[in-house]
Amino acid sequence: MAPLVCDVRAVAPDAAALDALARIQLNARRLGLELELRHASKELLELIAFAGLDEVLRAELEGQAEEREERGRVEEERELDDLPGL
């Protein structure tokens, strides 16, 4: 099932926001969904990690989603003896 995506670029990195996000994640899991935070600020990511919630609250730094899609591309398979200079 696709994750429930939440854009958090305007969320302040404070305890109230962290509490709210954790509660949203808990409710999402109770419904069988997974919450994915997108466009989190560096400060919010640091607060999530500091609170030990980085495994619970999946978050992406701004621009990370595009990078992940690029890494997921399939590369051409080659044999070692096909590589130049070997």
N, C-alpha and C. Protein backbone atom coordinates (compact mmCIF):
# COMPACT_ATOMS: atom_id res chain seq x y z
N MET A 1 0.84 -1.18 0.00
CA MET A 1 0.00 0.00 0.00
C MET A 1 0.89 1.24 0.00
N ALA A 2 0.49 2.24 -0.73
CA ALA A 2 1.26 3.49 -0.82
C ALA A 2 1.20 4.23 0.52
N PRO A 3 2.31 4.90 0.87
CA PRO A 3 2.32 5.63 2.15
C PRO A 3 1.43 6.87 2.10
N LEU A 4 1.02 7.32 3.26
CA LEU A 4 0.29 8.56 3.42
C LEU A 4 1.34 9.67 3.47
N VAL A 5 1.40 10.52 2.46
CA VAL A 5 2.44 11.53 2.34
C VAL A 5 1.99 12.83 2.99
N CYS A 6 2.87 13.40 3.81
CA CYS A 6 2.58 14.65 4.51
C CYS A 6 3.72 15.63 4.23
N ASP A 7 3.41 16.75 3.59
CA ASP A 7 4.40 17.79 3.31
C ASP A 7 4.59 18.62 4.57
N VAL A 8 5.80 18.59 5.13
CA VAL A 8 6.06 19.27 6.40
C VAL A 8 7.02 20.45 6.25
N ARG A 9 7.12 21.00 5.04
CA ARG A 9 8.08 22.09 4.83
C ARG A 9 7.76 23.32 5.69
N ALA A 10 6.49 23.52 6.08
CA ALA A 10 6.12 24.68 6.88
C ALA A 10 5.99 24.35 8.37
N VAL A 11 6.37 23.14 8.76
CA VAL A 11 6.25 22.72 10.17
C VAL A 11 7.46 23.21 10.95
N ALA A 12 7.18 23.87 12.07
CA ALA A 12 8.26 24.36 12.94
C ALA A 12 8.91 23.19 13.67
N PRO A 13 10.22 23.22 13.80
CA PRO A 13 10.91 22.15 14.52
C PRO A 13 10.83 22.35 16.03
N ASP A 14 9.69 21.99 16.62
CA ASP A 14 9.53 22.15 18.07
C ASP A 14 8.82 20.92 18.64
N ALA A 15 8.73 20.89 19.96
CA ALA A 15 8.16 19.73 20.65
C ALA A 15 6.69 19.51 20.29
N ALA A 16 5.93 20.58 20.11
CA ALA A 16 4.52 20.44 19.77
C ALA A 16 4.35 19.77 18.41
N ALA A 17 5.17 20.17 17.45
CA ALA A 17 5.10 19.56 16.12
C ALA A 17 5.51 18.10 16.17
N LEU A 18 6.56 17.81 16.92
CA LEU A 18 7.03 16.44 17.06
C LEU A 18 5.94 15.55 17.67
N ASP A 19 5.28 16.06 18.69
CA ASP A 19 4.19 15.33 19.33
C ASP A 19 3.06 15.08 18.35
N ALA A 20 2.68 16.11 17.61
CA ALA A 20 1.59 15.97 16.64
C ALA A 20 1.94 14.96 15.55
N LEU A 21 3.16 15.01 15.04
CA LEU A 21 3.57 14.08 13.98
C LEU A 21 3.60 12.64 14.50
N ALA A 22 4.06 12.46 15.72
CA ALA A 22 4.09 11.11 16.30
C ALA A 22 2.67 10.58 16.48
N ARG A 23 1.74 11.44 16.89
CA ARG A 23 0.34 11.02 17.06
C ARG A 23 -0.30 10.68 15.71
N ILE A 24 0.01 11.47 14.69
CA ILE A 24 -0.51 11.19 13.34
C ILE A 24 0.01 9.84 12.86
N GLN A 25 1.31 9.59 13.08
CA GLN A 25 1.90 8.31 12.68
C GLN A 25 1.23 7.15 13.42
N LEU A 26 0.99 7.31 14.71
CA LEU A 26 0.34 6.27 15.49
C LEU A 26 -1.05 5.97 14.95
N ASN A 27 -1.83 7.01 14.68
CA ASN A 27 -3.17 6.82 14.13
C ASN A 27 -3.13 6.20 12.74
N ALA A 28 -2.17 6.61 11.92
CA ALA A 28 -2.03 6.04 10.59
C ALA A 28 -1.75 4.54 10.68
N ARG A 29 -0.85 4.16 11.58
CA ARG A 29 -0.53 2.73 11.73
C ARG A 29 -1.73 1.94 12.24
N ARG A 30 -2.51 2.53 13.10
CA ARG A 30 -3.72 1.85 13.58
C ARG A 30 -4.70 1.58 12.44
N LEU A 31 -4.65 2.42 11.42
CA LEU A 31 -5.51 2.25 10.25
C LEU A 31 -4.84 1.41 9.16
N GLY A 32 -3.64 0.92 9.45
CA GLY A 32 -2.92 0.10 8.48
C GLY A 32 -2.16 0.91 7.44
N LEU A 33 -1.91 2.18 7.72
CA LEU A 33 -1.20 3.05 6.79
C LEU A 33 0.18 3.41 7.34
N GLU A 34 1.02 3.90 6.49
CA GLU A 34 2.35 4.36 6.89
C GLU A 34 2.48 5.82 6.50
N LEU A 35 2.92 6.65 7.44
CA LEU A 35 3.09 8.08 7.20
C LEU A 35 4.49 8.33 6.68
N GLU A 36 4.60 9.15 5.65
CA GLU A 36 5.89 9.54 5.11
C GLU A 36 5.95 11.07 5.07
N LEU A 37 6.91 11.62 5.77
CA LEU A 37 7.07 13.08 5.81
C LEU A 37 7.96 13.53 4.67
N ARG A 38 7.51 14.52 3.94
CA ARG A 38 8.29 15.04 2.80
C ARG A 38 8.67 16.49 3.05
N HIS A 39 9.80 16.87 2.52
CA HIS A 39 10.31 18.24 2.56
C HIS A 39 10.56 18.73 3.98
N ALA A 40 11.03 17.85 4.83
CA ALA A 40 11.36 18.24 6.21
C ALA A 40 12.60 19.11 6.22
N SER A 41 12.62 20.10 7.09
CA SER A 41 13.80 20.93 7.23
C SER A 41 14.89 20.13 7.95
N LYS A 42 16.11 20.58 7.80
CA LYS A 42 17.23 19.92 8.47
C LYS A 42 17.02 19.94 9.99
N GLU A 43 16.50 21.05 10.50
CA GLU A 43 16.26 21.19 11.93
C GLU A 43 15.20 20.20 12.42
N LEU A 44 14.14 20.01 11.62
CA LEU A 44 13.10 19.06 12.01
C LEU A 44 13.66 17.64 11.99
N LEU A 45 14.45 17.31 10.99
CA LEU A 45 15.07 15.99 10.93
C LEU A 45 15.99 15.74 12.13
N GLU A 46 16.73 16.78 12.52
CA GLU A 46 17.62 16.65 13.67
C GLU A 46 16.82 16.44 14.96
N LEU A 47 15.69 17.15 15.09
CA LEU A 47 14.85 16.99 16.27
C LEU A 47 14.24 15.59 16.32
N ILE A 48 13.79 15.10 15.18
CA ILE A 48 13.23 13.75 15.10
C ILE A 48 14.28 12.72 15.52
N ALA A 49 15.50 12.87 15.02
CA ALA A 49 16.58 11.96 15.38
C ALA A 49 16.94 12.07 16.85
N PHE A 50 17.01 13.29 17.37
CA PHE A 50 17.34 13.52 18.77
C PHE A 50 16.32 12.85 19.69
N ALA A 51 15.06 12.89 19.28
CA ALA A 51 14.00 12.28 20.09
C ALA A 51 13.95 10.76 19.91
N GLY A 52 14.77 10.23 19.01
CA GLY A 52 14.79 8.79 18.79
C GLY A 52 13.63 8.29 17.96
N LEU A 53 13.02 9.19 17.20
CA LEU A 53 11.85 8.83 16.40
C LEU A 53 12.16 8.68 14.91
N ASP A 54 13.43 8.68 14.54
CA ASP A 54 13.77 8.62 13.12
C ASP A 54 13.39 7.29 12.47
N GLU A 55 13.30 6.21 13.25
CA GLU A 55 12.84 4.94 12.70
C GLU A 55 11.32 4.90 12.60
N VAL A 56 10.65 5.68 13.42
CA VAL A 56 9.19 5.70 13.45
C VAL A 56 8.64 6.71 12.44
N LEU A 57 9.23 7.90 12.43
CA LEU A 57 8.80 8.96 11.52
C LEU A 57 9.73 8.98 10.32
N ARG A 58 9.31 8.37 9.24
CA ARG A 58 10.11 8.38 8.03
C ARG A 58 10.03 9.77 7.41
N ALA A 59 11.17 10.43 7.30
CA ALA A 59 11.15 11.80 6.80
C ALA A 59 12.21 11.97 5.72
N GLU A 60 11.92 12.85 4.79
CA GLU A 60 12.85 13.17 3.71
C GLU A 60 13.16 14.66 3.75
N LEU A 61 14.43 14.96 3.59
CA LEU A 61 14.88 16.34 3.47
C LEU A 61 14.39 16.87 2.13
N GLU A 62 14.20 18.16 2.04
CA GLU A 62 13.74 18.75 0.78
C GLU A 62 14.63 18.32 -0.37
N GLY A 63 14.05 17.83 -1.45
CA GLY A 63 14.80 17.39 -2.62
C GLY A 63 15.23 15.94 -2.57
N GLN A 64 15.07 15.27 -1.45
CA GLN A 64 15.52 13.89 -1.32
C GLN A 64 14.69 12.92 -2.14
N ALA A 65 13.43 13.17 -2.32
CA ALA A 65 12.57 12.24 -3.06
C ALA A 65 13.07 12.07 -4.49
N GLU A 66 13.45 13.16 -5.13
CA GLU A 66 13.95 13.07 -6.49
C GLU A 66 15.25 12.29 -6.54
N GLU A 67 16.13 12.49 -5.55
CA GLU A 67 17.39 11.76 -5.52
C GLU A 67 17.14 10.28 -5.35
N ARG A 68 16.19 9.89 -4.49
CA ARG A 68 15.89 8.49 -4.26
C ARG A 68 15.40 7.84 -5.55
N GLU A 69 14.58 8.53 -6.32
CA GLU A 69 14.09 7.98 -7.57
C GLU A 69 15.23 7.76 -8.54
N GLU A 70 16.19 8.65 -8.56
CA GLU A 70 17.34 8.49 -9.45
C GLU A 70 18.15 7.27 -9.05
N ARG A 71 18.36 7.07 -7.74
CA ARG A 71 19.14 5.93 -7.29
C ARG A 71 18.44 4.63 -7.59
N GLY A 72 17.13 4.65 -7.73
CA GLY A 72 16.38 3.44 -7.97
C GLY A 72 16.42 2.97 -9.42
N ARG A 73 17.01 3.76 -10.31
CA ARG A 73 17.07 3.38 -11.72
C ARG A 73 17.91 2.13 -11.90
N VAL A 74 17.59 1.36 -12.91
CA VAL A 74 18.34 0.15 -13.21
C VAL A 74 19.53 0.53 -14.10
N GLU A 75 20.68 0.09 -13.69
CA GLU A 75 21.89 0.32 -14.48
C GLU A 75 22.10 -0.87 -15.41
N GLU A 76 22.83 -0.65 -16.49
CA GLU A 76 23.16 -1.72 -17.41
C GLU A 76 24.09 -2.71 -16.72
N GLU A 77 23.79 -3.98 -16.84
CA GLU A 77 24.62 -5.00 -16.22
C GLU A 77 25.83 -5.26 -17.10
N ARG A 78 27.00 -5.41 -16.48
CA ARG A 78 28.24 -5.65 -17.23
C ARG A 78 29.05 -6.73 -16.53
N GLU A 79 29.86 -7.40 -17.28
CA GLU A 79 30.82 -8.36 -16.74
C GLU A 79 32.09 -7.59 -16.39
N LEU A 80 32.84 -8.12 -15.43
CA LEU A 80 34.08 -7.45 -15.01
C LEU A 80 35.04 -7.26 -16.17
N ASP A 81 35.15 -8.26 -17.06
CA ASP A 81 36.10 -8.13 -18.17
C ASP A 81 35.61 -7.16 -19.24
N ASP A 82 34.36 -6.68 -19.15
CA ASP A 82 33.83 -5.67 -20.08
C ASP A 82 34.21 -4.26 -19.69
N LEU A 83 34.67 -4.07 -18.45
CA LEU A 83 34.97 -2.74 -17.98
C LEU A 83 36.25 -2.22 -18.62
N PRO A 84 36.28 -0.96 -19.00
CA PRO A 84 37.49 -0.39 -19.62
C PRO A 84 38.65 -0.39 -18.63
N GLY A 85 39.82 -0.68 -19.12
CA GLY A 85 41.04 -0.62 -18.33
C GLY A 85 41.30 -1.86 -17.51
N LEU A 86 40.53 -2.92 -17.69
CA LEU A 86 40.78 -4.15 -16.92
C LEU A 86 41.27 -5.24 -17.80
